[in-house]
């Protein structure tokens, strides 16, 4: 009943920028938390940034000062502005939302299928 679709990934040179977008559709009552994760080659999936319903944000130390997460509640969309990209940022980026689905008893996590970000040297 809920689908997350990411967009904006691609190939970029070091120092460049990308803006990821993730929109949620379906029977959504409310979204309490939106987040971006990533998984690089041979690495575990890690939290990049998240933003809660009140607008509070948190970032991984590795991206702090370079990435900015934001949300558009009216559109059920979360964004990740990535600046000063480094080769180490190369990963599959996954959108995650903790939300309440209309007609269910509680909150659930939903994931997008991921979008590839490749940063060349």
C-alpha atoms as a PDB file:
ATOM      1  CA  UNK A   1       0.000   0.000   0.000  1.00  0.00           C
ATOM      2  CA  UNK A   2       3.016   2.284   0.369  1.00  0.00           C
ATOM      3  CA  UNK A   3       5.759   2.774  -2.162  1.00  0.00           C
ATOM      4  CA  UNK A   4       8.902   4.875  -1.936  1.00  0.00           C
ATOM      5  CA  UNK A   5      10.581   5.932  -5.154  1.00  0.00           C
ATOM      6  CA  UNK A   6      14.032   7.501  -5.225  1.00  0.00           C
ATOM      7  CA  UNK A   7      15.482   9.610  -7.981  1.00  0.00           C
ATOM      8  CA  UNK A   8      18.456  11.840  -8.615  1.00  0.00           C
ATOM      9  CA  UNK A   9      21.308   9.392  -8.439  1.00  0.00           C
ATOM     10  CA  UNK A  10      23.985   9.228 -11.056  1.00  0.00           C
ATOM     11  CA  UNK A  11      27.621   9.721 -11.880  1.00  0.00           C
ATOM     12  CA  UNK A  12      29.358  12.873 -10.752  1.00  0.00           C
ATOM     13  CA  UNK A  13      32.931  14.048 -10.424  1.00  0.00           C
ATOM     14  CA  UNK A  14      34.499  14.666  -7.055  1.00  0.00           C
ATOM     15  CA  UNK A  15      33.528  18.055  -5.737  1.00  0.00           C
ATOM     16  CA  UNK A  16      30.249  18.024  -7.574  1.00  0.00           C
ATOM     17  CA  UNK A  17      26.711  17.926  -6.291  1.00  0.00           C
ATOM     18  CA  UNK A  18      23.639  15.773  -6.555  1.00  0.00           C
ATOM     19  CA  UNK A  19      20.171  16.100  -5.155  1.00  0.00           C
ATOM     20  CA  UNK A  20      18.298  12.949  -4.274  1.00  0.00           C
ATOM     21  CA  UNK A  21      14.556  12.860  -3.976  1.00  0.00           C
ATOM     22  CA  UNK A  22      12.234  10.269  -2.518  1.00  0.00           C
ATOM     23  CA  UNK A  23       8.480  10.446  -2.701  1.00  0.00           C
ATOM     24  CA  UNK A  24       6.064   8.232  -0.843  1.00  0.00           C
ATOM     25  CA  UNK A  25       2.697   7.240  -2.192  1.00  0.00           C
ATOM     26  CA  UNK A  26      -0.116   5.150  -0.838  1.00  0.00           C
ATOM     27  CA  UNK A  27      -2.475   5.171   2.079  1.00  0.00           C
ATOM     28  CA  UNK A  28      -0.295   7.283   4.334  1.00  0.00           C
ATOM     29  CA  UNK A  29      -1.782   8.795   7.440  1.00  0.00           C
ATOM     30  CA  UNK A  30       1.355  10.465   8.729  1.00  0.00           C
ATOM     31  CA  UNK A  31       5.132  10.271   8.479  1.00  0.00           C
ATOM     32  CA  UNK A  32       7.104  10.687  11.652  1.00  0.00           C
ATOM     33  CA  UNK A  33      10.621  10.168  10.339  1.00  0.00           C
ATOM     34  CA  UNK A  34      12.351  10.302   6.969  1.00  0.00           C
ATOM     35  CA  UNK A  35      15.882   9.156   6.419  1.00  0.00           C
ATOM     36  CA  UNK A  36      18.566   8.381   3.903  1.00  0.00           C
ATOM     37  CA  UNK A  37      20.836   5.369   4.218  1.00  0.00           C
ATOM     38  CA  UNK A  38      23.637   4.218   2.002  1.00  0.00           C
ATOM     39  CA  UNK A  39      25.595   1.076   1.381  1.00  0.00           C
ATOM     40  CA  UNK A  40      28.985   1.242  -0.262  1.00  0.00           C
ATOM     41  CA  UNK A  41      30.834  -1.676  -1.848  1.00  0.00           C
ATOM     42  CA  UNK A  42      31.702  -4.238   0.790  1.00  0.00           C
ATOM     43  CA  UNK A  43      30.189  -2.150   3.555  1.00  0.00           C
ATOM     44  CA  UNK A  44      27.162  -2.368   5.778  1.00  0.00           C
ATOM     45  CA  UNK A  45      24.235  -0.098   5.274  1.00  0.00           C
ATOM     46  CA  UNK A  46      24.639   3.060   7.312  1.00  0.00           C
ATOM     47  CA  UNK A  47      22.472   5.967   8.250  1.00  0.00           C
ATOM     48  CA  UNK A  48      23.399   9.108   6.336  1.00  0.00           C
ATOM     49  CA  UNK A  49      20.826  11.555   7.636  1.00  0.00           C
ATOM     50  CA  UNK A  50      17.348  11.696   9.044  1.00  0.00           C
ATOM     51  CA  UNK A  51      14.705  14.281   9.728  1.00  0.00           C
ATOM     52  CA  UNK A  52      11.780  13.912  12.072  1.00  0.00           C
ATOM     53  CA  UNK A  53       8.289  15.321  11.919  1.00  0.00           C
ATOM     54  CA  UNK A  54       9.342  18.416  13.818  1.00  0.00           C
ATOM     55  CA  UNK A  55      12.141  19.193  11.405  1.00  0.00           C
ATOM     56  CA  UNK A  56      15.031  18.117  13.599  1.00  0.00           C
ATOM     57  CA  UNK A  57      17.888  16.603  11.638  1.00  0.00           C
ATOM     58  CA  UNK A  58      20.875  14.410  12.274  1.00  0.00           C
ATOM     59  CA  UNK A  59      23.826  13.491  10.084  1.00  0.00           C
ATOM     60  CA  UNK A  60      26.577  10.973   9.962  1.00  0.00           C
ATOM     61  CA  UNK A  61      29.915  12.515  10.809  1.00  0.00           C
ATOM     62  CA  UNK A  62      31.236  11.626   7.381  1.00  0.00           C
ATOM     63  CA  UNK A  63      28.693  13.840   5.608  1.00  0.00           C
ATOM     64  CA  UNK A  64      28.151  16.592   8.146  1.00  0.00           C
ATOM     65  CA  UNK A  65      28.603  19.987   6.583  1.00  0.00           C
ATOM     66  CA  UNK A  66      28.301  18.625   3.061  1.00  0.00           C
ATOM     67  CA  UNK A  67      24.864  17.014   2.939  1.00  0.00           C
ATOM     68  CA  UNK A  68      21.514  18.531   3.810  1.00  0.00           C
ATOM     69  CA  UNK A  69      18.311  16.619   4.370  1.00  0.00           C
ATOM     70  CA  UNK A  70      14.956  18.320   3.993  1.00  0.00           C
ATOM     71  CA  UNK A  71      11.333  17.361   3.622  1.00  0.00           C
ATOM     72  CA  UNK A  72       8.142  18.534   2.016  1.00  0.00           C
ATOM     73  CA  UNK A  73       5.337  17.214   4.148  1.00  0.00           C
ATOM     74  CA  UNK A  74       2.648  18.202   1.676  1.00  0.00           C
ATOM     75  CA  UNK A  75       4.295  16.053  -0.984  1.00  0.00           C
ATOM     76  CA  UNK A  76       5.425  13.226   1.306  1.00  0.00           C
ATOM     77  CA  UNK A  77       8.880  13.783  -0.075  1.00  0.00           C
ATOM     78  CA  UNK A  78      12.355  13.826   1.417  1.00  0.00           C
ATOM     79  CA  UNK A  79      15.424  15.285  -0.242  1.00  0.00           C
ATOM     80  CA  UNK A  80      19.132  14.899   0.208  1.00  0.00           C
ATOM     81  CA  UNK A  81      21.282  17.677  -1.157  1.00  0.00           C
ATOM     82  CA  UNK A  82      24.811  16.367  -1.518  1.00  0.00           C
ATOM     83  CA  UNK A  83      27.603  18.853  -2.052  1.00  0.00           C
ATOM     84  CA  UNK A  84      31.362  18.510  -2.207  1.00  0.00           C
ATOM     85  CA  UNK A  85      31.002  14.876  -3.085  1.00  0.00           C
ATOM     86  CA  UNK A  86      33.912  12.548  -2.515  1.00  0.00           C
ATOM     87  CA  UNK A  87      34.687   9.142  -4.015  1.00  0.00           C
ATOM     88  CA  UNK A  88      34.001   7.634  -0.601  1.00  0.00           C
ATOM     89  CA  UNK A  89      30.397   8.759  -0.984  1.00  0.00           C
ATOM     90  CA  UNK A  90      29.937   6.210  -3.743  1.00  0.00           C
ATOM     91  CA  UNK A  91      27.135   3.916  -2.652  1.00  0.00           C
ATOM     92  CA  UNK A  92      23.589   2.890  -3.204  1.00  0.00           C
ATOM     93  CA  UNK A  93      21.416   5.377  -1.395  1.00  0.00           C
ATOM     94  CA  UNK A  94      18.172   4.174   0.141  1.00  0.00           C
ATOM     95  CA  UNK A  95      15.209   6.194   1.226  1.00  0.00           C
ATOM     96  CA  UNK A  96      13.531   5.176   4.452  1.00  0.00           C
ATOM     97  CA  UNK A  97      10.363   6.400   6.069  1.00  0.00           C
ATOM     98  CA  UNK A  98       8.756   5.506   9.357  1.00  0.00           C
ATOM     99  CA  UNK A  99       5.087   6.122   8.837  1.00  0.00           C
ATOM    100  CA  UNK A 100       1.584   5.202   9.745  1.00  0.00           C
ATOM    101  CA  UNK A 101      -0.454   3.505   7.071  1.00  0.00           C
ATOM    102  CA  UNK A 102      -4.136   4.279   7.032  1.00  0.00           C
ATOM    103  CA  UNK A 103      -6.144   1.308   8.194  1.00  0.00           C
ATOM    104  CA  UNK A 104      -3.322  -0.339  10.138  1.00  0.00           C
ATOM    105  CA  UNK A 105      -2.691  -0.538  13.862  1.00  0.00           C
ATOM    106  CA  UNK A 106       0.646   1.211  14.029  1.00  0.00           C
ATOM    107  CA  UNK A 107       3.838   2.491  12.524  1.00  0.00           C
ATOM    108  CA  UNK A 108       6.006   0.712   9.989  1.00  0.00           C
ATOM    109  CA  UNK A 109       9.301   1.178   8.199  1.00  0.00           C
ATOM    110  CA  UNK A 110       9.332   1.406   4.419  1.00  0.00           C
ATOM    111  CA  UNK A 111      12.278   1.388   2.076  1.00  0.00           C
ATOM    112  CA  UNK A 112      12.924   2.479  -1.442  1.00  0.00           C
ATOM    113  CA  UNK A 113      14.786   0.250  -3.857  1.00  0.00           C
ATOM    114  CA  UNK A 114      17.822   2.485  -3.862  1.00  0.00           C
ATOM    115  CA  UNK A 115      19.542   4.785  -6.290  1.00  0.00           C
ATOM    116  CA  UNK A 116      23.186   4.532  -7.289  1.00  0.00           C
ATOM    117  CA  UNK A 117      25.514   7.422  -6.608  1.00  0.00           C
ATOM    118  CA  UNK A 118      28.964   7.154  -8.110  1.00  0.00           C
ATOM    119  CA  UNK A 119      31.609   9.783  -7.479  1.00  0.00           C
ATOM    120  CA  UNK A 120      34.655   9.654  -9.689  1.00  0.00           C
ATOM    121  CA  UNK A 121      38.089  10.944  -8.774  1.00  0.00           C
END
